[in-house]
Amino acid sequence: MMAQSDSGKPDEGARESKVDTGRRWVNLVLGTGIVATIASFIYPAVRYVIPPPVSESSNLSVVAAKVGELKNNAAKVFRFGSEPAILIRTADGNYRAFTAVCTHLGCTVQYRADLHEVWCPCHNGMYDLQGRNVSGPPPRPLAQYQVHIQGEDIVVVRNA
């Protein structure tokens, strides 16, 4: 029931209060919707730009391959924790292992059997079979891992 003034007409203050309450409610709903819409556009963009942290593997060794799996002058990319690594069997049958992350911009490197070198396809960087950067933009050598043959497994060990 609406309050009436002394003259018998509805009280203007009560009506304005009811209108203000309704207007505040509409403004709250619209404001919340606008904020939710903006957040739905910004949140995925922020998640894309800032990737979630990846925990580094605490393992210092991993089985990279089986003996006889690689022919001479061939390579295999495998996971060492959260990063790719590359196991190379040289033309003379020796094994070498490196991180497969280019020191320039973090691209994954490949073994070029025709050149007997490790190649980064992103900017044509080259590494020799010692992991040294020999041409292109890579500023540092690849991190080298130790390779051990244990039974039928080829075990790659990271320095602590």
N, C-alpha and C. Protein backbone atom coordinates (compact mmCIF):
# COMPACT_ATOMS: atom_id res chain seq x y z
N MET A 1 0.85 -1.17 0.00
CA MET A 1 0.00 0.00 0.00
C MET A 1 0.89 1.23 0.00
N MET A 2 0.58 2.14 -0.88
CA MET A 2 1.37 3.33 -1.05
C MET A 2 0.97 4.38 -0.02
N ALA A 3 1.96 5.06 0.52
CA ALA A 3 1.69 6.11 1.51
C ALA A 3 1.02 7.30 0.82
N GLN A 4 0.08 7.91 1.54
CA GLN A 4 -0.60 9.06 0.98
C GLN A 4 -0.25 10.30 1.79
N SER A 5 -0.25 11.40 1.10
CA SER A 5 0.02 12.65 1.78
C SER A 5 -1.26 13.19 2.39
N ASP A 6 -1.20 14.33 3.03
CA ASP A 6 -2.37 14.91 3.68
C ASP A 6 -3.45 15.28 2.67
N SER A 7 -3.07 15.56 1.42
CA SER A 7 -4.05 15.95 0.42
C SER A 7 -4.75 14.76 -0.23
N GLY A 8 -4.42 13.53 0.14
CA GLY A 8 -5.06 12.35 -0.42
C GLY A 8 -4.38 11.79 -1.64
N LYS A 9 -3.35 12.44 -2.13
CA LYS A 9 -2.60 11.94 -3.29
C LYS A 9 -1.47 11.05 -2.78
N PRO A 10 -1.04 10.13 -3.62
CA PRO A 10 0.09 9.27 -3.21
C PRO A 10 1.34 10.11 -2.94
N ASP A 11 2.06 9.67 -1.94
CA ASP A 11 3.28 10.39 -1.52
C ASP A 11 4.34 10.29 -2.61
N GLU A 12 4.82 11.43 -3.08
CA GLU A 12 5.82 11.47 -4.15
C GLU A 12 7.15 10.86 -3.70
N GLY A 13 7.49 11.07 -2.44
CA GLY A 13 8.77 10.52 -1.93
C GLY A 13 8.75 9.00 -1.93
N ALA A 14 7.62 8.42 -1.56
CA ALA A 14 7.53 6.95 -1.54
C ALA A 14 7.60 6.39 -2.96
N ARG A 15 6.94 7.09 -3.90
CA ARG A 15 6.97 6.60 -5.29
C ARG A 15 8.37 6.72 -5.88
N GLU A 16 9.04 7.84 -5.60
CA GLU A 16 10.41 8.00 -6.10
C GLU A 16 11.34 6.96 -5.48
N SER A 17 11.11 6.63 -4.21
CA SER A 17 11.93 5.61 -3.57
C SER A 17 11.74 4.25 -4.23
N LYS A 18 10.47 3.95 -4.59
CA LYS A 18 10.20 2.67 -5.24
C LYS A 18 10.84 2.64 -6.64
N VAL A 19 10.81 3.77 -7.36
CA VAL A 19 11.42 3.85 -8.69
C VAL A 19 12.93 3.74 -8.57
N ASP A 20 13.51 4.42 -7.56
CA ASP A 20 14.96 4.33 -7.37
C ASP A 20 15.40 2.90 -7.05
N THR A 21 14.63 2.20 -6.24
CA THR A 21 14.98 0.82 -5.93
C THR A 21 14.94 -0.05 -7.18
N GLY A 22 13.92 0.12 -7.99
CA GLY A 22 13.84 -0.64 -9.24
C GLY A 22 14.98 -0.27 -10.20
N ARG A 23 15.29 1.00 -10.28
CA ARG A 23 16.37 1.44 -11.16
C ARG A 23 17.72 0.89 -10.68
N ARG A 24 17.93 0.90 -9.38
CA ARG A 24 19.19 0.34 -8.85
C ARG A 24 19.30 -1.15 -9.18
N TRP A 25 18.17 -1.84 -9.08
CA TRP A 25 18.17 -3.28 -9.39
C TRP A 25 18.53 -3.51 -10.86
N VAL A 26 17.94 -2.75 -11.75
CA VAL A 26 18.24 -2.89 -13.18
C VAL A 26 19.70 -2.52 -13.45
N ASN A 27 20.18 -1.45 -12.85
CA ASN A 27 21.58 -1.06 -13.03
C ASN A 27 22.54 -2.14 -12.51
N LEU A 28 22.19 -2.74 -11.38
CA LEU A 28 23.03 -3.81 -10.83
C LEU A 28 23.09 -5.01 -11.78
N VAL A 29 21.93 -5.40 -12.30
CA VAL A 29 21.89 -6.55 -13.22
C VAL A 29 22.66 -6.23 -14.50
N LEU A 30 22.45 -5.06 -15.07
CA LEU A 30 23.16 -4.70 -16.30
C LEU A 30 24.66 -4.56 -16.06
N GLY A 31 25.03 -3.94 -14.95
CA GLY A 31 26.45 -3.78 -14.63
C GLY A 31 27.15 -5.12 -14.44
N THR A 32 26.49 -6.03 -13.74
CA THR A 32 27.06 -7.35 -13.53
C THR A 32 27.21 -8.09 -14.86
N GLY A 33 26.21 -7.96 -15.73
CA GLY A 33 26.29 -8.61 -17.04
C GLY A 33 27.42 -8.05 -17.88
N ILE A 34 27.61 -6.75 -17.84
CA ILE A 34 28.70 -6.14 -18.61
C ILE A 34 30.06 -6.58 -18.08
N VAL A 35 30.19 -6.59 -16.77
CA VAL A 35 31.47 -7.03 -16.17
C VAL A 35 31.73 -8.51 -16.49
N ALA A 36 30.70 -9.35 -16.42
CA ALA A 36 30.88 -10.78 -16.74
C ALA A 36 31.26 -10.96 -18.21
N THR A 37 30.67 -10.17 -19.10
CA THR A 37 31.00 -10.27 -20.52
C THR A 37 32.44 -9.87 -20.78
N ILE A 38 32.88 -8.78 -20.19
CA ILE A 38 34.27 -8.33 -20.36
C ILE A 38 35.23 -9.37 -19.79
N ALA A 39 34.90 -9.92 -18.63
CA ALA A 39 35.77 -10.94 -18.03
C ALA A 39 35.86 -12.19 -18.89
N SER A 40 34.75 -12.54 -19.54
CA SER A 40 34.77 -13.75 -20.40
C SER A 40 35.65 -13.56 -21.63
N PHE A 41 35.91 -12.34 -22.03
CA PHE A 41 36.83 -12.08 -23.14
C PHE A 41 38.28 -11.97 -22.65
N ILE A 42 38.47 -11.37 -21.51
CA ILE A 42 39.83 -11.12 -21.02
C ILE A 42 40.46 -12.37 -20.43
N TYR A 43 39.70 -13.17 -19.69
CA TYR A 43 40.29 -14.33 -19.01
C TYR A 43 40.96 -15.32 -19.98
N PRO A 44 40.30 -15.74 -21.07
CA PRO A 44 41.00 -16.66 -21.99
C PRO A 44 42.25 -16.05 -22.60
N ALA A 45 42.21 -14.75 -22.89
CA ALA A 45 43.40 -14.10 -23.47
C ALA A 45 44.55 -14.10 -22.48
N VAL A 46 44.26 -13.84 -21.22
CA VAL A 46 45.31 -13.84 -20.20
C VAL A 46 45.85 -15.26 -20.01
N ARG A 47 44.97 -16.26 -20.00
CA ARG A 47 45.42 -17.65 -19.85
C ARG A 47 46.27 -18.09 -21.03
N TYR A 48 45.99 -17.56 -22.22
CA TYR A 48 46.78 -17.91 -23.38
C TYR A 48 48.17 -17.28 -23.30
N VAL A 49 48.23 -16.05 -22.88
CA VAL A 49 49.51 -15.33 -22.81
C VAL A 49 50.37 -15.85 -21.67
N ILE A 50 49.77 -16.18 -20.55
CA ILE A 50 50.52 -16.67 -19.39
C ILE A 50 50.16 -18.15 -19.21
N PRO A 51 50.96 -19.06 -19.75
CA PRO A 51 50.64 -20.48 -19.63
C PRO A 51 50.78 -20.94 -18.18
N PRO A 52 50.08 -22.01 -17.82
CA PRO A 52 50.17 -22.50 -16.45
C PRO A 52 51.57 -23.06 -16.18
N PRO A 53 52.02 -22.95 -14.95
CA PRO A 53 53.35 -23.49 -14.63
C PRO A 53 53.37 -25.01 -14.78
N VAL A 54 54.44 -25.49 -15.36
CA VAL A 54 54.62 -26.93 -15.55
C VAL A 54 55.71 -27.37 -14.59
N SER A 55 55.37 -28.31 -13.78
CA SER A 55 56.36 -28.78 -12.82
C SER A 55 57.43 -29.58 -13.53
N GLU A 56 58.66 -29.31 -13.18
CA GLU A 56 59.79 -30.01 -13.78
C GLU A 56 59.91 -31.39 -13.16
N SER A 57 60.23 -32.33 -13.98
CA SER A 57 60.39 -33.69 -13.50
C SER A 57 61.58 -33.76 -12.55
N SER A 58 61.40 -34.47 -11.47
CA SER A 58 62.50 -34.64 -10.52
C SER A 58 63.39 -35.80 -10.90
N ASN A 59 62.99 -36.54 -11.93
CA ASN A 59 63.82 -37.66 -12.37
C ASN A 59 65.07 -37.14 -13.05
N LEU A 60 66.17 -37.74 -12.71
CA LEU A 60 67.43 -37.36 -13.34
C LEU A 60 67.80 -38.29 -14.47
N SER A 61 66.99 -39.34 -14.67
CA SER A 61 67.27 -40.25 -15.77
C SER A 61 65.96 -40.75 -16.36
N VAL A 62 66.04 -41.15 -17.61
CA VAL A 62 64.87 -41.66 -18.30
C VAL A 62 65.35 -42.69 -19.33
N VAL A 63 64.52 -43.69 -19.56
CA VAL A 63 64.82 -44.66 -20.62
C VAL A 63 64.37 -44.03 -21.93
N ALA A 64 65.34 -43.75 -22.79
CA ALA A 64 65.05 -43.04 -24.04
C ALA A 64 64.70 -43.98 -25.18
N ALA A 65 65.26 -45.16 -25.17
CA ALA A 65 65.02 -46.10 -26.27
C ALA A 65 65.52 -47.48 -25.86
N LYS A 66 65.31 -48.43 -26.70
CA LYS A 66 65.84 -49.79 -26.53
C LYS A 66 67.05 -49.95 -27.43
N VAL A 67 67.96 -50.77 -26.99
CA VAL A 67 69.14 -51.06 -27.81
C VAL A 67 68.66 -51.68 -29.12
N GLY A 68 69.19 -51.19 -30.22
CA GLY A 68 68.81 -51.69 -31.53
C GLY A 68 67.63 -50.95 -32.15
N GLU A 69 67.02 -50.06 -31.38
CA GLU A 69 65.88 -49.31 -31.91
C GLU A 69 66.32 -48.29 -32.95
N LEU A 70 67.49 -47.71 -32.75
CA LEU A 70 67.99 -46.70 -33.69
C LEU A 70 69.07 -47.29 -34.57
N LYS A 71 68.98 -47.00 -35.86
CA LYS A 71 70.04 -47.38 -36.78
C LYS A 71 71.14 -46.34 -36.67
N ASN A 72 72.30 -46.66 -37.22
CA ASN A 72 73.38 -45.67 -37.26
C ASN A 72 72.91 -44.46 -38.07
N ASN A 73 73.38 -43.27 -37.64
CA ASN A 73 73.05 -42.01 -38.29
C ASN A 73 71.54 -41.75 -38.25
N ALA A 74 70.95 -41.96 -37.08
CA ALA A 74 69.52 -41.71 -36.89
C ALA A 74 69.30 -41.10 -35.51
N ALA A 75 68.12 -40.60 -35.29
CA ALA A 75 67.83 -39.94 -34.01
C ALA A 75 66.38 -40.17 -33.61
N LYS A 76 66.13 -39.90 -32.35
CA LYS A 76 64.79 -40.04 -31.80
C LYS A 76 64.57 -38.91 -30.80
N VAL A 77 63.43 -38.24 -30.91
CA VAL A 77 63.06 -37.22 -29.93
C VAL A 77 62.21 -37.90 -28.86
N PHE A 78 62.52 -37.65 -27.61
CA PHE A 78 61.77 -38.26 -26.51
C PHE A 78 61.54 -37.20 -25.44
N ARG A 79 60.67 -37.50 -24.49
CA ARG A 79 60.37 -36.57 -23.41
C ARG A 79 61.30 -36.83 -22.24
N PHE A 80 61.92 -35.77 -21.75
CA PHE A 80 62.72 -35.85 -20.53
C PHE A 80 62.06 -34.86 -19.57
N GLY A 81 61.18 -35.37 -18.73
CA GLY A 81 60.38 -34.50 -17.87
C GLY A 81 59.38 -33.76 -18.73
N SER A 82 59.38 -32.45 -18.64
CA SER A 82 58.44 -31.66 -19.41
C SER A 82 59.03 -31.15 -20.71
N GLU A 83 60.29 -31.44 -20.98
CA GLU A 83 60.94 -30.91 -22.18
C GLU A 83 61.32 -32.03 -23.15
N PRO A 84 61.36 -31.70 -24.43
CA PRO A 84 61.83 -32.70 -25.39
C PRO A 84 63.36 -32.82 -25.33
N ALA A 85 63.81 -34.01 -25.61
CA ALA A 85 65.25 -34.28 -25.70
C ALA A 85 65.46 -35.12 -26.95
N ILE A 86 66.70 -35.18 -27.40
CA ILE A 86 66.98 -35.92 -28.62
C ILE A 86 68.12 -36.89 -28.36
N LEU A 87 67.91 -38.12 -28.78
CA LEU A 87 68.93 -39.17 -28.70
C LEU A 87 69.41 -39.43 -30.12
N ILE A 88 70.71 -39.34 -30.32
CA ILE A 88 71.30 -39.50 -31.65
C ILE A 88 72.23 -40.68 -31.63
N ARG A 89 72.10 -41.54 -32.61
CA ARG A 89 73.09 -42.58 -32.83
C ARG A 89 73.91 -42.15 -34.04
N THR A 90 75.17 -41.87 -33.78
CA THR A 90 76.03 -41.32 -34.83
C THR A 90 76.32 -42.37 -35.89
N ALA A 91 76.98 -41.94 -36.95
CA ALA A 91 77.30 -42.85 -38.06
C ALA A 91 78.24 -43.96 -37.62
N ASP A 92 79.07 -43.69 -36.59
CA ASP A 92 79.97 -44.74 -36.09
C ASP A 92 79.37 -45.54 -34.94
N GLY A 93 78.10 -45.35 -34.64
CA GLY A 93 77.40 -46.19 -33.66
C GLY A 93 77.40 -45.67 -32.24
N ASN A 94 77.97 -44.50 -31.98
CA ASN A 94 77.95 -43.94 -30.63
C ASN A 94 76.63 -43.22 -30.39
N TYR A 95 76.25 -43.16 -29.11
CA TYR A 95 75.02 -42.45 -28.74
C TYR A 95 75.38 -41.11 -28.14
N ARG A 96 74.56 -40.11 -28.45
CA ARG A 96 74.67 -38.78 -27.84
C ARG A 96 73.25 -38.32 -27.54
N ALA A 97 73.11 -37.57 -26.45
CA ALA A 97 71.79 -37.05 -26.09
C ALA A 97 71.92 -35.60 -25.68
N PHE A 98 70.94 -34.81 -26.10
CA PHE A 98 70.91 -33.38 -25.82
C PHE A 98 69.47 -32.98 -25.51
N THR A 99 69.35 -31.81 -24.92
CA THR A 99 68.02 -31.22 -24.87
C THR A 99 67.65 -30.89 -26.31
N ALA A 100 66.38 -31.03 -26.64
CA ALA A 100 65.94 -30.73 -28.00
C ALA A 100 65.36 -29.34 -28.11
N VAL A 101 65.64 -28.50 -27.13
CA VAL A 101 65.13 -27.13 -27.12
C VAL A 101 66.24 -26.20 -27.60
N CYS A 102 66.00 -25.54 -28.73
CA CYS A 102 66.98 -24.61 -29.29
C CYS A 102 67.25 -23.48 -28.31
N THR A 103 68.49 -23.08 -28.19
CA THR A 103 68.86 -22.02 -27.26
C THR A 103 68.51 -20.64 -27.79
N HIS A 104 68.03 -20.57 -29.01
CA HIS A 104 67.66 -19.26 -29.57
C HIS A 104 66.27 -18.85 -29.10
N LEU A 105 65.24 -19.54 -29.57
CA LEU A 105 63.87 -19.18 -29.21
C LEU A 105 63.07 -20.35 -28.67
N GLY A 106 63.71 -21.46 -28.38
CA GLY A 106 63.01 -22.58 -27.75
C GLY A 106 62.31 -23.51 -28.70
N CYS A 107 62.61 -23.48 -29.98
CA CYS A 107 62.02 -24.43 -30.92
C CYS A 107 62.60 -25.82 -30.68
N THR A 108 61.91 -26.84 -31.15
CA THR A 108 62.41 -28.21 -31.04
C THR A 108 63.33 -28.50 -32.21
N VAL A 109 64.55 -28.95 -31.88
CA VAL A 109 65.54 -29.22 -32.91
C VAL A 109 65.35 -30.62 -33.48
N GLN A 110 65.98 -30.86 -34.62
CA GLN A 110 65.90 -32.16 -35.30
C GLN A 110 67.30 -32.58 -35.70
N TYR A 111 67.45 -33.87 -35.91
CA TYR A 111 68.73 -34.38 -36.41
C TYR A 111 68.67 -34.45 -37.92
N ARG A 112 69.66 -33.86 -38.58
CA ARG A 112 69.75 -33.93 -40.04
C ARG A 112 70.77 -35.00 -40.39
N ALA A 113 70.30 -36.17 -40.79
CA ALA A 113 71.19 -37.28 -41.11
C ALA A 113 72.06 -36.95 -42.32
N ASP A 114 71.55 -36.14 -43.24
CA ASP A 114 72.33 -35.80 -44.43
C ASP A 114 73.50 -34.88 -44.10
N LEU A 115 73.38 -34.07 -43.07
CA LEU A 115 74.44 -33.14 -42.68
C LEU A 115 75.22 -33.60 -41.46
N HIS A 116 74.72 -34.64 -40.78
CA HIS A 116 75.31 -35.12 -39.53
C HIS A 116 75.37 -33.99 -38.49
N GLU A 117 74.32 -33.21 -38.44
CA GLU A 117 74.23 -32.11 -37.49
C GLU A 117 72.81 -32.00 -36.96
N VAL A 118 72.69 -31.26 -35.88
CA VAL A 118 71.38 -30.99 -35.29
C VAL A 118 70.93 -29.64 -35.83
N TRP A 119 69.67 -29.58 -36.28
CA TRP A 119 69.18 -28.42 -36.99
C TRP A 119 67.94 -27.87 -36.30
N CYS A 120 67.90 -26.57 -36.19
CA CYS A 120 66.70 -25.90 -35.68
C CYS A 120 65.95 -25.33 -36.88
N PRO A 121 64.75 -25.82 -37.17
CA PRO A 121 64.03 -25.38 -38.37
C PRO A 121 63.47 -23.98 -38.27
N CYS A 122 63.39 -23.42 -37.07
CA CYS A 122 62.77 -22.09 -36.93
C CYS A 122 63.60 -21.00 -37.61
N HIS A 123 64.90 -20.99 -37.36
CA HIS A 123 65.74 -19.93 -37.91
C HIS A 123 67.03 -20.48 -38.50
N ASN A 124 67.00 -21.74 -38.89
CA ASN A 124 68.11 -22.39 -39.56
C ASN A 124 69.38 -22.41 -38.71
N GLY A 125 69.24 -22.63 -37.42
CA GLY A 125 70.38 -22.77 -36.53
C GLY A 125 70.95 -24.18 -36.63
N MET A 126 72.27 -24.30 -36.49
CA MET A 126 72.92 -25.61 -36.59
C MET A 126 73.78 -25.86 -35.36
N TYR A 127 73.79 -27.10 -34.93
CA TYR A 127 74.63 -27.57 -33.83
C TYR A 127 75.40 -28.79 -34.33
N ASP A 128 76.64 -28.93 -33.87
CA ASP A 128 77.39 -30.13 -34.24
C ASP A 128 77.02 -31.27 -33.28
N LEU A 129 77.64 -32.41 -33.44
CA LEU A 129 77.29 -33.58 -32.62
C LEU A 129 77.90 -33.52 -31.23
N GLN A 130 78.56 -32.42 -30.90
CA GLN A 130 78.98 -32.15 -29.52
C GLN A 130 77.99 -31.20 -28.85
N GLY A 131 77.00 -30.74 -29.60
CA GLY A 131 76.01 -29.81 -29.10
C GLY A 131 76.39 -28.35 -29.25
N ARG A 132 77.55 -28.09 -29.86
CA ARG A 132 78.01 -26.71 -30.01
C ARG A 132 77.23 -26.01 -31.13
N ASN A 133 76.90 -24.77 -30.91
CA ASN A 133 76.24 -23.98 -31.93
C ASN A 133 77.29 -23.58 -32.97
N VAL A 134 77.08 -23.98 -34.21
CA VAL A 134 78.08 -23.76 -35.25
C VAL A 134 77.65 -22.74 -36.30
N SER A 135 76.34 -22.53 -36.46
CA SER A 135 75.90 -21.50 -37.39
C SER A 135 74.47 -21.11 -37.06
N GLY A 136 74.07 -19.95 -37.57
CA GLY A 136 72.73 -19.46 -37.31
C GLY A 136 72.66 -18.66 -36.03
N PRO A 137 71.46 -18.34 -35.60
CA PRO A 137 71.31 -17.44 -34.45
C PRO A 137 71.44 -18.06 -33.06
N PRO A 138 71.48 -19.39 -32.87
CA PRO A 138 71.55 -19.89 -31.49
C PRO A 138 72.77 -19.33 -30.74
N PRO A 139 72.54 -18.75 -29.56
CA PRO A 139 73.65 -18.12 -28.84
C PRO A 139 74.48 -19.07 -27.97
N ARG A 140 73.94 -20.23 -27.64
CA ARG A 140 74.64 -21.14 -26.73
C ARG A 140 74.53 -22.57 -27.24
N PRO A 141 75.42 -23.44 -26.77
CA PRO A 141 75.31 -24.86 -27.13
C PRO A 141 74.09 -25.51 -26.48
N LEU A 142 73.72 -26.66 -27.01
CA LEU A 142 72.65 -27.45 -26.41
C LEU A 142 73.19 -28.12 -25.15
N ALA A 143 72.33 -28.28 -24.15
CA ALA A 143 72.73 -29.00 -22.94
C ALA A 143 72.86 -30.48 -23.28
N GLN A 144 73.99 -31.05 -22.92
CA GLN A 144 74.26 -32.44 -23.26
C GLN A 144 73.96 -33.34 -22.06
N TYR A 145 73.42 -34.52 -22.34
CA TYR A 145 73.12 -35.51 -21.31
C TYR A 145 74.06 -36.69 -21.46
N GLN A 146 74.20 -37.42 -20.38
CA GLN A 146 75.01 -38.65 -20.42
C GLN A 146 74.13 -39.80 -20.92
N VAL A 147 74.72 -40.71 -21.65
CA VAL A 147 74.01 -41.87 -22.17
C VAL A 147 74.65 -43.13 -21.62
N HIS A 148 73.82 -44.00 -21.03
CA HIS A 148 74.29 -45.27 -20.50
C HIS A 148 73.42 -46.38 -21.08
N ILE A 149 74.05 -47.48 -21.36
CA ILE A 149 73.31 -48.65 -21.81
C ILE A 149 73.22 -49.61 -20.64
N GLN A 150 71.98 -49.88 -20.21
CA GLN A 150 71.73 -50.77 -19.07
C GLN A 150 70.85 -51.91 -19.56
N GLY A 151 71.47 -53.03 -19.84
CA GLY A 151 70.72 -54.17 -20.37
C GLY A 151 70.23 -53.85 -21.77
N GLU A 152 68.94 -53.88 -21.94
CA GLU A 152 68.33 -53.58 -23.23
C GLU A 152 67.90 -52.11 -23.35
N ASP A 153 68.08 -51.35 -22.27
CA ASP A 153 67.63 -49.96 -22.26
C ASP A 153 68.77 -48.98 -22.51
N ILE A 154 68.46 -47.92 -23.21
CA ILE A 154 69.38 -46.78 -23.36
C ILE A 154 68.87 -45.72 -22.39
N VAL A 155 69.64 -45.48 -21.35
CA VAL A 155 69.24 -44.57 -20.28
C VAL A 155 69.98 -43.25 -20.46
N VAL A 156 69.22 -42.17 -20.45
CA VAL A 156 69.79 -40.83 -20.56
C VAL A 156 69.73 -40.19 -19.17
N VAL A 157 70.87 -39.62 -18.75
CA VAL A 157 71.00 -39.06 -17.41
C VAL A 157 71.30 -37.57 -17.52
N ARG A 158 70.53 -36.81 -16.76
CA ARG A 158 70.74 -35.36 -16.70
C ARG A 158 71.67 -35.05 -15.53
N ASN A 159 72.57 -34.12 -15.72
CA ASN A 159 73.45 -33.71 -14.63
C ASN A 159 72.62 -32.95 -13.60
N ALA A 160 72.84 -33.25 -12.33
CA ALA A 160 72.08 -32.59 -11.25
C ALA A 160 72.49 -31.17 -11.05
